[in-house]
C-alpha atoms as a PDB file:
ATOM      1  CA  MET A   1      26.143-179.052-168.129  1.00  0.00           C
ATOM      2  CA  SER A   2      25.437-182.764-167.966  1.00  0.00           C
ATOM      3  CA  ARG A   3      22.266-184.284-169.359  1.00  0.00           C
ATOM      4  CA  ARG A   4      21.013-185.150-165.865  1.00  0.00           C
ATOM      5  CA  ALA A   5      21.478-181.582-164.635  1.00  0.00           C
ATOM      6  CA  ASN A   6      19.684-180.274-167.720  1.00  0.00           C
ATOM      7  CA  VAL A   7      16.683-182.554-167.073  1.00  0.00           C
ATOM      8  CA  LEU A   8      16.585-181.483-163.430  1.00  0.00           C
ATOM      9  CA  ALA A   9      16.708-177.807-164.410  1.00  0.00           C
ATOM     10  CA  GLN A  10      13.793-178.260-166.813  1.00  0.00           C
ATOM     11  CA  ALA A  11      11.796-180.159-164.215  1.00  0.00           C
ATOM     12  CA  SER A  12      12.307-177.475-161.578  1.00  0.00           C
ATOM     13  CA  ALA A  13      11.421-174.676-164.016  1.00  0.00           C
ATOM     14  CA  LYS A  14       7.970-176.096-164.732  1.00  0.00           C
ATOM     15  CA  PRO A  15       6.321-177.715-161.701  1.00  0.00           C
ATOM     16  CA  LYS A  16       3.954-180.578-162.438  1.00  0.00           C
ATOM     17  CA  VAL A  17       0.956-181.360-160.265  1.00  0.00           C
ATOM     18  CA  ARG A  18      -1.620-184.089-160.778  1.00  0.00           C
ATOM     19  CA  LEU A  19      -5.192-182.815-161.107  1.00  0.00           C
ATOM     20  CA  ASP A  20      -6.527-184.869-158.196  1.00  0.00           C
ATOM     21  CA  ARG A  21      -3.703-183.627-155.981  1.00  0.00           C
ATOM     22  CA  TRP A  22      -4.305-179.992-157.006  1.00  0.00           C
ATOM     23  CA  LEU A  23      -8.053-180.283-156.258  1.00  0.00           C
ATOM     24  CA  TRP A  24      -7.182-181.673-152.831  1.00  0.00           C
ATOM     25  CA  ALA A  25      -4.605-178.930-152.175  1.00  0.00           C
ATOM     26  CA  ALA A  26      -7.087-176.249-153.300  1.00  0.00           C
ATOM     27  CA  ARG A  27      -9.584-177.668-150.782  1.00  0.00           C
ATOM     28  CA  MET A  28     -12.200-178.513-153.393  1.00  0.00           C
ATOM     29  CA  PHE A  29     -12.469-182.002-151.863  1.00  0.00           C
ATOM     30  CA  MET A  30     -11.703-183.308-148.380  1.00  0.00           C
ATOM     31  CA  THR A  31      -9.529-186.208-149.516  1.00  0.00           C
ATOM     32  CA  ARG A  32      -7.519-187.062-152.579  1.00  0.00           C
ATOM     33  CA  SER A  33      -9.564-190.197-153.132  1.00  0.00           C
ATOM     34  CA  GLN A  34     -12.760-188.086-153.218  1.00  0.00           C
ATOM     35  CA  ALA A  35     -11.132-185.863-155.834  1.00  0.00           C
ATOM     36  CA  LYS A  36     -10.138-188.935-157.836  1.00  0.00           C
ATOM     37  CA  GLN A  37     -13.667-190.373-157.653  1.00  0.00           C
ATOM     38  CA  ALA A  38     -15.157-187.044-158.761  1.00  0.00           C
ATOM     39  CA  ILE A  39     -12.826-186.859-161.752  1.00  0.00           C
ATOM     40  CA  GLU A  40     -13.510-190.454-162.755  1.00  0.00           C
ATOM     41  CA  GLY A  41     -17.257-189.891-162.277  1.00  0.00           C
ATOM     42  CA  GLY A  42     -17.303-186.954-164.687  1.00  0.00           C
ATOM     43  CA  LYS A  43     -17.839-184.287-162.020  1.00  0.00           C
ATOM     44  CA  VAL A  44     -14.648-182.426-163.021  1.00  0.00           C
ATOM     45  CA  HIS A  45     -13.956-181.212-166.558  1.00  0.00           C
ATOM     46  CA  TYR A  46     -10.572-179.817-167.585  1.00  0.00           C
ATOM     47  CA  ASN A  47     -10.913-177.099-170.272  1.00  0.00           C
ATOM     48  CA  GLY A  48     -14.368-178.428-171.144  1.00  0.00           C
ATOM     49  CA  GLN A  49     -13.310-182.070-171.513  1.00  0.00           C
ATOM     50  CA  ARG A  50     -13.475-185.114-169.269  1.00  0.00           C
ATOM     51  CA  THR A  51     -10.089-186.038-167.930  1.00  0.00           C
ATOM     52  CA  LYS A  52      -8.176-188.484-165.782  1.00  0.00           C
ATOM     53  CA  PRO A  53      -6.897-187.956-162.223  1.00  0.00           C
ATOM     54  CA  ALA A  54      -3.243-188.109-163.329  1.00  0.00           C
ATOM     55  CA  ARG A  55      -3.641-185.202-165.771  1.00  0.00           C
ATOM     56  CA  GLU A  56      -1.008-182.524-165.213  1.00  0.00           C
ATOM     57  CA  THR A  57      -2.569-179.243-164.196  1.00  0.00           C
ATOM     58  CA  GLU A  58      -1.416-176.044-165.892  1.00  0.00           C
ATOM     59  CA  ILE A  59      -1.777-172.415-164.860  1.00  0.00           C
ATOM     60  CA  GLY A  60      -4.680-170.818-166.720  1.00  0.00           C
ATOM     61  CA  ALA A  61      -6.646-174.054-167.100  1.00  0.00           C
ATOM     62  CA  GLU A  62     -10.406-173.816-166.631  1.00  0.00           C
ATOM     63  CA  LEU A  63     -12.017-176.431-164.392  1.00  0.00           C
ATOM     64  CA  ASP A  64     -15.757-177.116-164.264  1.00  0.00           C
ATOM     65  CA  ILE A  65     -16.466-178.738-160.898  1.00  0.00           C
ATOM     66  CA  THR A  66     -19.789-180.150-159.739  1.00  0.00           C
ATOM     67  CA  ARG A  67     -20.127-181.001-156.063  1.00  0.00           C
ATOM     68  CA  ASN A  68     -23.078-181.097-153.680  1.00  0.00           C
ATOM     69  CA  PHE A  69     -25.436-180.153-156.528  1.00  0.00           C
ATOM     70  CA  GLN A  70     -23.487-176.941-157.127  1.00  0.00           C
ATOM     71  CA  ALA A  71     -21.546-176.258-160.311  1.00  0.00           C
ATOM     72  CA  LEU A  72     -18.646-173.846-160.288  1.00  0.00           C
ATOM     73  CA  THR A  73     -16.063-172.834-162.847  1.00  0.00           C
ATOM     74  CA  VAL A  74     -12.597-171.903-161.636  1.00  0.00           C
ATOM     75  CA  VAL A  75      -9.382-170.855-163.349  1.00  0.00           C
ATOM     76  CA  VAL A  76      -6.073-172.193-162.007  1.00  0.00           C
ATOM     77  CA  ASP A  77      -3.825-169.329-160.849  1.00  0.00           C
ATOM     78  CA  ALA A  78      -1.049-171.279-159.112  1.00  0.00           C
ATOM     79  CA  LEU A  79       0.089-174.850-158.628  1.00  0.00           C
ATOM     80  CA  SER A  80       0.570-176.637-155.345  1.00  0.00           C
ATOM     81  CA  ASP A  81       0.659-180.255-154.272  1.00  0.00           C
ATOM     82  CA  ARG A  82       0.660-179.407-150.572  1.00  0.00           C
ATOM     83  CA  ARG A  83      -2.575-178.892-148.647  1.00  0.00           C
ATOM     84  CA  GLY A  84      -2.149-175.808-146.534  1.00  0.00           C
ATOM     85  CA  PRO A  85      -4.413-173.327-144.787  1.00  0.00           C
ATOM     86  CA  ALA A  86      -7.602-172.177-146.487  1.00  0.00           C
ATOM     87  CA  VAL A  87      -6.109-168.733-147.114  1.00  0.00           C
ATOM     88  CA  GLU A  88      -3.301-170.307-149.165  1.00  0.00           C
ATOM     89  CA  ALA A  89      -5.737-172.596-150.975  1.00  0.00           C
ATOM     90  CA  GLN A  90      -7.848-169.618-152.095  1.00  0.00           C
ATOM     91  CA  GLN A  91      -4.775-168.142-153.776  1.00  0.00           C
ATOM     92  CA  LEU A  92      -4.522-171.161-156.105  1.00  0.00           C
ATOM     93  CA  TYR A  93      -7.638-170.295-158.150  1.00  0.00           C
ATOM     94  CA  HIS A  94     -10.323-167.736-158.858  1.00  0.00           C
ATOM     95  CA  GLU A  95     -13.946-168.322-159.775  1.00  0.00           C
ATOM     96  CA  THR A  96     -15.252-166.890-163.047  1.00  0.00           C
ATOM     97  CA  GLU A  97     -17.887-164.130-163.033  1.00  0.00           C
ATOM     98  CA  THR A  98     -20.429-166.272-164.898  1.00  0.00           C
ATOM     99  CA  SER A  99     -20.018-169.013-162.310  1.00  0.00           C
ATOM    100  CA  ILE A 100     -20.571-166.563-159.457  1.00  0.00           C
ATOM    101  CA  THR A 101     -23.760-165.171-160.999  1.00  0.00           C
ATOM    102  CA  ARG A 102     -25.038-168.672-161.860  1.00  0.00           C
ATOM    103  CA  ARG A 103     -24.534-169.853-158.270  1.00  0.00           C
ATOM    104  CA  ALA A 104     -26.224-166.711-156.909  1.00  0.00           C
ATOM    105  CA  THR A 105     -29.303-167.216-159.097  1.00  0.00           C
ATOM    106  CA  GLU A 106     -29.508-170.895-158.107  1.00  0.00           C
ATOM    107  CA  GLN A 107     -29.304-169.967-154.420  1.00  0.00           C
ATOM    108  CA  GLU A 108     -32.019-167.338-154.858  1.00  0.00           C
ATOM    109  CA  ARG A 109     -34.259-169.819-156.701  1.00  0.00           C
ATOM    110  CA  ALA A 110     -33.803-172.391-153.923  1.00  0.00           C
ATOM    111  CA  ARG A 111     -34.578-169.741-151.291  1.00  0.00           C
ATOM    112  CA  LEU A 112     -37.790-168.761-153.092  1.00  0.00           C
ATOM    113  CA  GLN A 113     -38.871-172.398-153.359  1.00  0.00           C
ATOM    114  CA  ARG A 114     -38.487-172.760-149.597  1.00  0.00           C
ATOM    115  CA  ALA A 115     -40.348-169.496-148.923  1.00  0.00           C
ATOM    116  CA  GLY A 116     -43.796-171.145-149.032  1.00  0.00           C
ATOM    117  CA  LEU A 117     -42.723-173.997-146.763  1.00  0.00           C
ATOM    118  CA  GLN A 118     -43.875-173.628-143.168  1.00  0.00           C
ATOM    119  CA  GLN A 119     -41.936-175.475-140.525  1.00  0.00           C
ATOM    120  CA  PRO A 120     -44.035-177.099-137.804  1.00  0.00           C
ATOM    121  CA  MET A 121     -43.991-175.296-134.469  1.00  0.00           C
ATOM    122  CA  GLY A 122     -43.085-178.404-132.506  1.00  0.00           C
ATOM    123  CA  ARG A 123     -43.745-182.093-132.166  1.00  0.00           C
ATOM    124  CA  PRO A 124     -47.087-183.352-133.438  1.00  0.00           C
ATOM    125  CA  ASP A 125     -49.779-183.759-130.801  1.00  0.00           C
ATOM    126  CA  LYS A 126     -52.218-186.685-130.509  1.00  0.00           C
ATOM    127  CA  HIS A 127     -54.605-185.256-133.103  1.00  0.00           C
ATOM    128  CA  ASP A 128     -51.758-184.622-135.607  1.00  0.00           C
ATOM    129  CA  ARG A 129     -50.319-188.122-135.107  1.00  0.00           C
ATOM    130  CA  ARG A 130     -53.687-189.716-135.806  1.00  0.00           C
ATOM    131  CA  ALA A 131     -54.078-187.610-138.955  1.00  0.00           C
ATOM    132  CA  LEU A 132     -50.604-188.670-140.138  1.00  0.00           C
ATOM    133  CA  THR A 133     -51.359-192.342-139.452  1.00  0.00           C
ATOM    134  CA  ALA A 134     -54.623-192.101-141.386  1.00  0.00           C
ATOM    135  CA  LEU A 135     -52.861-190.434-144.283  1.00  0.00           C
ATOM    136  CA  LYS A 136     -50.159-193.116-144.377  1.00  0.00           C
ATOM    137  CA  GLN A 137     -52.703-195.939-144.225  1.00  0.00           C
ATOM    138  CA  ARG A 138     -54.741-194.441-147.060  1.00  0.00           C
ATOM    139  CA  GLY A 139     -51.643-194.310-149.259  1.00  0.00           C
ATOM    140  CA  SER A 140     -50.604-197.944-148.688  1.00  0.00           C
ATOM    141  CA  PRO A 141     -52.116-200.744-150.840  1.00  0.00           C
END
């Protein structure tokens, strides 16, 4: 076997996918540039460490991802550099149990904080508008 064929065989045996491309294919971010910005901004950690967008992703790697004020921890199950349907994207990773429980408790805490908030029934009437104006004017210097 020639050297070139040997290199090609090794390359095909172990697929390599950039981290930003994998995050895009797994539908963690809408665009590859958003994935790149998140990695560079420290929103994505690879096995507990900050990384670069060109990092090669491996099966079994643990990714800590923070987006939209939610933190989730996923483990890479498969590699893909092609963005397909959501069903295929969900097969690329699984979320850890601690991450699931952490997100559930955060959602419950946010729900309880909103429980005391009463939404207004409609638009403010003349009396309400005057009260709001008086409140705003009192607060300004």
